[in-house]
Amino acid sequence: MKTAIITGITGQDGAYLAQILINNGYNVIGVTRSSHTANLDKLVYLEIDKLVTVVECDLMDMSGVIGLIKTYQPDEIYNLAAQSSVGLSFSQPIGTIQFNTISVLNLLEAIRLLKKDTRFYQASSSEMYGMVKQLPVTIGTPMHPLSPYAISKASAYWTVVNYRESYGLFACNGVLFNHESFLRSDNFFIKKVISEAVKNRDNKDWKLKLGNIDVWRDFGYSPKYVEAMWFMLQKDKPVDYIICSGKSYHLKDIVHYVLDKLDLDRDRIVISNELYRPTDILDIYGDNSAAIEDLGWEYKLSFFEVLDLLIAEELNNVN
């Protein structure tokens, strides 16, 4: 039985990845900052909470990370832990950059010192590429990050590359573009739009307050994207991959689709300048051909099909 550590186990990707690993016979160790306050609702929802060993570890504390590796001797580590909100990173730039870089450095250094055969996956982000001059984005596209979050993810990305090239570690980056699910946290755009619209279907005074929706993003489905994470660590050699749908969608069209699907008038939308970011990517989408060809990963969903799935699941679970 292989042992895998998942940091960020309480997020949507952590939960879906844990489900995949359990189904493939792994002993899964889920890491949280505090086991006493950890929200395990997503694991409960997937009915795997009793099958995951949840442990406490501060990834900023090198001694704690060393203890984690020594105790569990993992075959694989999936590092999904991060301050992952782009918007929040503008108000908390120092904390975002510190955690998202030092946590990765601590994990890689602990692997180098203690168990060099551990395979390491780093959750990278399309936000690293930022102001791109040519689409679609590939692994070789120059990075021009536009937020503290993007800067932190770019730094972590190159740290992984450096440890792979310098010390021969099996360490790779999965550059995931936006991916959604019912288990997405409420502070993310798609989840916010769907959950608020479903909850307020019968509230005639309700308005949907949004920032800039005149941008395009490459969106996909989290349960499918996490499959690629596992595939990457089963390869003979560590390689970085773009994981995306390969198409961008206009945020305004997405919002209109959700409201139309729920028979809500589009005049519910209120655009607030307060919700605009200091800088924003206008359009971005990726090239997923390498992941499809090399990993055997498949992705054929349009994002409107994903929205149908998310709306139906939200309706089934509304209080």
Protein backbone atom coordinates (compact mmCIF):
# COMPACT_ATOMS: atom_id res chain seq x y z
CA MET A 1 0.00 0.00 0.00
CA LYS A 2 1.40 3.38 -1.02
CA THR A 3 1.22 6.31 1.38
CA ALA A 4 0.37 9.77 0.04
CA ILE A 5 0.36 13.07 1.91
CA ILE A 6 -2.08 15.73 0.72
CA THR A 7 -1.58 19.24 2.07
CA GLY A 8 -4.63 21.44 1.71
CA ILE A 9 -6.85 18.40 2.29
CA THR A 10 -9.82 20.61 3.26
CA GLY A 11 -10.08 22.26 -0.17
CA GLN A 12 -12.08 21.02 -3.16
CA ASP A 13 -9.05 19.53 -4.90
CA GLY A 14 -7.79 17.90 -1.71
CA ALA A 15 -11.10 16.14 -1.19
CA TYR A 16 -11.49 14.90 -4.77
CA LEU A 17 -7.83 13.84 -4.94
CA ALA A 18 -8.15 11.93 -1.66
CA GLN A 19 -11.14 10.09 -3.14
CA ILE A 20 -9.12 9.06 -6.20
CA LEU A 21 -6.16 7.89 -4.11
CA ILE A 22 -8.36 5.90 -1.72
CA ASN A 23 -10.03 4.22 -4.71
CA ASN A 24 -6.54 3.27 -5.91
CA GLY A 25 -5.58 1.65 -2.59
CA TYR A 26 -3.52 4.42 -0.99
CA ASN A 27 -3.07 5.22 2.67
CA VAL A 28 -3.99 8.93 2.62
CA ILE A 29 -2.60 11.43 5.15
CA GLY A 30 -4.34 14.80 5.04
CA VAL A 31 -2.48 17.81 6.44
CA THR A 32 -4.15 20.84 8.01
CA ARG A 33 -2.74 23.80 9.93
CA SER A 34 -4.90 22.92 12.91
CA SER A 35 -6.65 19.57 13.26
CA HIS A 36 -8.86 21.06 15.97
CA THR A 37 -10.41 23.70 13.72
CA ALA A 38 -10.14 21.90 10.37
CA ASN A 39 -13.33 21.90 8.32
CA LEU A 40 -13.74 18.36 7.05
CA ASP A 41 -17.16 18.95 5.47
CA LYS A 42 -15.87 18.20 1.97
CA LEU A 43 -14.48 14.84 3.05
CA VAL A 44 -17.75 14.10 4.83
CA TYR A 45 -19.71 15.06 1.70
CA LEU A 46 -17.69 12.54 -0.34
CA GLU A 47 -18.08 9.98 2.50
CA ILE A 48 -14.32 9.48 2.88
CA ASP A 49 -13.69 11.33 6.17
CA LYS A 50 -13.21 8.05 8.05
CA LEU A 51 -10.74 6.84 5.41
CA VAL A 52 -8.31 9.77 5.66
CA THR A 53 -5.86 10.29 8.53
CA VAL A 54 -5.96 14.02 9.26
CA VAL A 55 -2.85 15.42 10.96
CA GLU A 56 -1.74 18.87 12.04
CA CYS A 57 1.40 20.46 10.59
CA ASP A 58 2.47 24.07 10.10
CA LEU A 59 4.22 24.01 6.72
CA MET A 60 6.08 27.20 7.69
CA ASP A 61 7.79 25.24 10.49
CA MET A 62 10.67 23.19 9.06
CA SER A 63 10.92 20.99 12.15
CA GLY A 64 7.24 20.13 11.83
CA VAL A 65 7.64 19.24 8.15
CA ILE A 66 10.65 17.05 8.95
CA GLY A 67 8.61 15.28 11.60
CA LEU A 68 5.81 14.72 9.09
CA ILE A 69 8.15 13.07 6.55
CA LYS A 70 9.89 10.98 9.20
CA THR A 71 6.61 9.72 10.66
CA TYR A 72 4.77 8.77 7.47
CA GLN A 73 7.60 8.06 4.99
CA PRO A 74 5.37 9.08 2.06
CA ASP A 75 5.71 7.65 -1.43
CA GLU A 76 3.97 10.74 -2.82
CA ILE A 77 3.25 14.28 -1.61
CA TYR A 78 0.63 16.47 -3.23
CA ASN A 79 1.10 20.06 -2.12
CA LEU A 80 -2.25 21.79 -2.56
CA ALA A 81 -1.98 24.08 0.49
CA ALA A 82 -1.87 27.79 -0.30
CA GLN A 83 -3.42 31.18 0.26
CA SER A 84 -5.28 30.75 -3.01
CA SER A 85 -7.41 33.89 -3.37
CA VAL A 86 -6.09 36.36 -5.93
CA GLY A 87 -8.25 39.14 -4.49
CA LEU A 88 -7.15 38.51 -0.91
CA SER A 89 -3.50 38.51 -1.97
CA PHE A 90 -3.72 42.23 -2.77
CA SER A 91 -4.74 42.99 0.83
CA GLN A 92 -2.40 40.37 2.33
CA PRO A 93 0.62 40.34 -0.03
CA ILE A 94 3.32 39.57 2.55
CA GLY A 95 1.47 36.66 4.14
CA THR A 96 0.50 35.25 0.74
CA ILE A 97 4.02 35.34 -0.68
CA GLN A 98 5.62 34.04 2.52
CA PHE A 99 3.35 31.04 2.93
CA ASN A 100 3.06 30.07 -0.74
CA THR A 101 6.84 30.03 -1.21
CA ILE A 102 8.37 28.96 2.13
CA SER A 103 5.94 26.05 2.56
CA VAL A 104 7.09 24.62 -0.78
CA LEU A 105 10.74 25.17 0.06
CA ASN A 106 10.34 23.41 3.42
CA LEU A 107 8.67 20.38 1.84
CA LEU A 108 11.27 20.01 -0.91
CA GLU A 109 14.18 20.48 1.47
CA ALA A 110 12.74 17.87 3.85
CA ILE A 111 12.38 15.43 0.96
CA ARG A 112 15.97 16.11 -0.12
CA LEU A 113 17.31 15.51 3.39
CA LEU A 114 15.16 12.57 4.44
CA LYS A 115 13.53 10.64 1.59
CA LYS A 116 14.74 11.51 -1.90
CA ASP A 117 12.55 8.89 -3.58
CA THR A 118 9.34 10.66 -2.51
CA ARG A 119 7.46 11.98 -5.52
CA PHE A 120 6.29 15.59 -5.19
CA TYR A 121 3.44 17.39 -6.91
CA GLN A 122 3.11 21.18 -6.69
CA ALA A 123 -0.21 22.89 -7.41
CA SER A 124 0.78 25.70 -9.76
CA SER A 125 -1.59 28.24 -11.28
CA SER A 126 -2.34 29.81 -14.65
CA GLU A 127 -2.23 33.16 -12.83
CA MET A 128 1.58 32.94 -13.05
CA TYR A 129 1.43 33.77 -16.75
CA GLY A 130 -0.62 36.92 -16.29
CA MET A 131 -0.07 39.37 -19.12
CA VAL A 132 0.50 36.97 -21.98
CA LYS A 133 1.33 38.19 -25.49
CA GLN A 134 0.32 35.01 -27.28
CA LEU A 135 -2.40 32.43 -26.64
CA PRO A 136 -2.82 29.59 -25.88
CA VAL A 137 -0.53 29.35 -22.85
CA THR A 138 2.00 26.53 -22.90
CA ILE A 139 4.56 25.51 -20.27
CA GLY A 140 7.13 27.58 -22.15
CA THR A 141 5.07 30.79 -22.20
CA PRO A 142 6.96 33.61 -20.42
CA MET A 143 5.50 34.49 -17.01
CA HIS A 144 4.29 38.00 -16.22
CA PRO A 145 2.39 37.69 -12.90
CA LEU A 146 -0.15 40.41 -12.12
CA SER A 147 -0.90 39.77 -8.43
CA PRO A 148 0.96 38.87 -5.22
CA TYR A 149 -0.69 35.44 -5.46
CA ALA A 150 0.65 34.96 -8.99
CA ILE A 151 4.12 36.09 -7.90
CA SER A 152 4.11 33.54 -5.06
CA LYS A 153 3.02 30.73 -7.37
CA ALA A 154 5.68 31.62 -9.94
CA SER A 155 8.35 31.56 -7.23
CA ALA A 156 7.13 28.16 -6.00
CA TYR A 157 7.08 26.85 -9.58
CA TRP A 158 10.74 27.71 -10.15
CA THR A 159 11.69 26.32 -6.74
CA VAL A 160 10.27 22.95 -7.83
CA VAL A 161 12.18 23.12 -11.12
CA ASN A 162 15.38 24.01 -9.26
CA TYR A 163 15.13 21.08 -6.84
CA ARG A 164 14.39 18.73 -9.72
CA GLU A 165 17.37 19.92 -11.74
CA SER A 166 19.80 20.39 -8.84
CA TYR A 167 19.09 17.31 -6.72
CA GLY A 168 17.33 14.89 -9.08
CA LEU A 169 14.08 14.88 -7.12
CA PHE A 170 10.90 13.60 -8.74
CA ALA A 171 9.18 16.98 -8.42
CA CYS A 172 6.75 18.45 -10.90
CA ASN A 173 4.27 21.29 -11.36
CA GLY A 174 0.70 20.90 -12.46
CA VAL A 175 -0.37 24.28 -13.88
CA LEU A 176 -4.12 24.16 -13.40
CA PHE A 177 -6.36 26.78 -14.93
CA ASN A 178 -9.62 27.72 -13.16
CA HIS A 179 -11.53 24.61 -12.16
CA GLU A 180 -14.80 24.45 -10.27
CA SER A 181 -17.04 22.08 -8.35
CA PHE A 182 -19.84 22.04 -5.81
CA LEU A 183 -17.11 21.81 -3.13
CA ARG A 184 -15.52 25.11 -4.19
CA SER A 185 -15.26 27.69 -1.38
CA ASP A 186 -17.86 30.47 -1.39
CA ASN A 187 -15.32 33.24 -1.98
CA PHE A 188 -14.57 32.05 -5.54
CA PHE A 189 -16.45 33.61 -8.43
CA ILE A 190 -18.37 30.69 -9.95
CA LYS A 191 -19.40 29.23 -6.59
CA LYS A 192 -20.48 32.67 -5.37
CA VAL A 193 -22.67 33.29 -8.41
CA ILE A 194 -24.35 29.88 -8.33
CA SER A 195 -24.83 29.55 -4.57
CA GLU A 196 -26.18 33.08 -4.12
CA ALA A 197 -28.51 32.75 -7.10
CA VAL A 198 -29.89 29.43 -5.86
CA LYS A 199 -30.38 30.69 -2.29
CA ASN A 200 -32.13 33.87 -3.43
CA ARG A 201 -34.39 32.54 -6.17
CA ASP A 202 -37.49 33.68 -4.30
CA ASN A 203 -36.09 36.95 -2.96
CA LYS A 204 -37.40 39.73 -5.22
CA ASP A 205 -35.06 42.31 -3.68
CA TRP A 206 -31.88 40.29 -4.11
CA LYS A 207 -29.06 41.66 -6.26
CA LEU A 208 -25.89 39.90 -7.42
CA LYS A 209 -22.97 42.21 -6.65
CA LEU A 210 -19.96 41.56 -8.89
CA GLY A 211 -16.71 43.16 -10.02
CA ASN A 212 -15.28 43.08 -13.53
CA ILE A 213 -17.13 40.45 -15.59
CA ASP A 214 -15.87 41.69 -18.95
CA VAL A 215 -12.94 39.24 -18.95
CA TRP A 216 -12.38 35.72 -20.28
CA ARG A 217 -11.11 32.68 -18.37
CA ASP A 218 -10.37 29.02 -19.09
CA PHE A 219 -12.70 27.05 -16.78
CA GLY A 220 -12.94 23.33 -16.09
CA TYR A 221 -14.22 20.70 -13.65
CA SER A 222 -12.23 19.91 -10.50
CA PRO A 223 -13.01 16.14 -10.24
CA LYS A 224 -11.50 15.68 -13.72
CA TYR A 225 -8.52 17.97 -13.16
CA VAL A 226 -7.31 16.15 -10.03
CA GLU A 227 -7.03 12.95 -12.09
CA ALA A 228 -4.15 14.63 -13.93
CA MET A 229 -2.33 15.27 -10.63
CA TRP A 230 -2.23 11.54 -9.90
CA PHE A 231 -1.28 10.66 -13.49
CA MET A 232 1.70 13.04 -13.29
CA LEU A 233 3.22 11.20 -10.32
CA GLN A 234 2.82 7.80 -12.01
CA LYS A 235 5.08 8.71 -14.96
CA ASP A 236 8.66 7.47 -15.32
CA LYS A 237 10.04 11.02 -15.30
CA PRO A 238 8.86 14.27 -13.66
CA VAL A 239 7.43 16.70 -16.21
CA ASP A 240 5.44 19.92 -15.77
CA TYR A 241 2.04 20.05 -17.48
CA ILE A 242 -0.71 22.54 -18.30
CA ILE A 243 -4.11 21.23 -17.15
CA CYS A 244 -6.98 23.17 -18.70
CA SER A 245 -9.99 22.99 -21.01
CA GLY A 246 -8.28 24.81 -23.86
CA LYS A 247 -11.00 27.44 -24.25
CA SER A 248 -11.82 30.73 -22.52
CA TYR A 249 -15.31 31.83 -21.51
CA HIS A 250 -16.68 35.35 -21.03
CA LEU A 251 -17.59 35.86 -17.36
CA LYS A 252 -20.64 37.87 -18.39
CA ASP A 253 -21.92 34.93 -20.47
CA ILE A 254 -21.41 32.61 -17.50
CA VAL A 255 -23.39 34.85 -15.15
CA HIS A 256 -26.19 35.25 -17.71
CA TYR A 257 -26.31 31.47 -18.22
CA VAL A 258 -26.69 30.80 -14.48
CA LEU A 259 -29.41 33.42 -14.05
CA ASP A 260 -31.28 32.23 -17.15
CA LYS A 261 -31.09 28.63 -15.97
CA LEU A 262 -32.71 29.63 -12.66
CA ASP A 263 -35.31 31.91 -14.32
CA LEU A 264 -33.84 35.04 -12.75
CA ASP A 265 -33.76 38.39 -14.52
CA ARG A 266 -30.37 39.65 -15.68
CA ASP A 267 -31.09 43.04 -14.12
CA ARG A 268 -30.24 41.40 -10.78
CA ILE A 269 -26.58 42.03 -11.65
CA VAL A 270 -24.95 45.02 -9.97
CA ILE A 271 -21.40 45.92 -10.99
CA SER A 272 -19.34 47.36 -8.14
CA ASN A 273 -16.05 49.18 -8.73
CA GLU A 274 -15.10 48.20 -5.18
CA LEU A 275 -14.79 44.59 -6.35
CA TYR A 276 -12.41 45.37 -9.20
CA ARG A 277 -8.81 44.23 -8.81
CA PRO A 278 -5.88 46.65 -9.21
CA THR A 279 -4.74 44.59 -12.21
CA ASP A 280 -6.57 41.86 -14.09
CA ILE A 281 -5.97 39.41 -16.92
CA LEU A 282 -8.28 40.20 -19.85
CA ASP A 283 -8.18 36.83 -21.58
CA ILE A 284 -6.30 33.60 -20.95
CA TYR A 285 -6.61 29.98 -22.01
CA GLY A 286 -4.20 27.10 -22.20
CA ASP A 287 -2.98 24.28 -24.42
CA ASN A 288 -3.76 20.90 -22.82
CA SER A 289 -2.45 18.75 -25.69
CA ALA A 290 0.70 17.60 -23.86
CA ALA A 291 -1.30 16.34 -20.87
CA ILE A 292 -3.74 14.52 -23.14
CA GLU A 293 -1.00 12.92 -25.24
CA ASP A 294 1.51 12.06 -22.49
CA LEU A 295 -0.69 11.32 -19.48
CA GLY A 296 -3.66 9.65 -21.12
CA TRP A 297 -5.83 12.31 -19.49
CA GLU A 298 -9.16 13.11 -21.15
CA TYR A 299 -11.20 16.28 -20.95
CA LYS A 300 -14.19 16.89 -23.21
CA LEU A 301 -16.61 18.97 -21.11
CA SER A 302 -17.70 22.42 -22.19
CA PHE A 303 -17.98 24.77 -19.25
CA PHE A 304 -21.70 25.19 -19.80
CA GLU A 305 -22.03 21.43 -19.25
CA VAL A 306 -20.05 21.89 -16.04
CA LEU A 307 -22.36 24.74 -15.00
CA ASP A 308 -25.35 22.43 -15.48
CA LEU A 309 -23.71 19.91 -13.14
CA LEU A 310 -22.90 22.56 -10.53
CA ILE A 311 -26.35 24.15 -10.60
CA ALA A 312 -28.05 20.75 -10.24
CA GLU A 313 -25.81 19.78 -7.31
CA GLU A 314 -26.38 23.15 -5.63
CA LEU A 315 -30.14 22.77 -6.00
CA ASN A 316 -29.96 19.27 -4.50
CA ASN A 317 -28.06 20.54 -1.47
CA VAL A 318 -29.66 23.93 -0.79
CA ASN A 319 -30.82 24.42 2.79
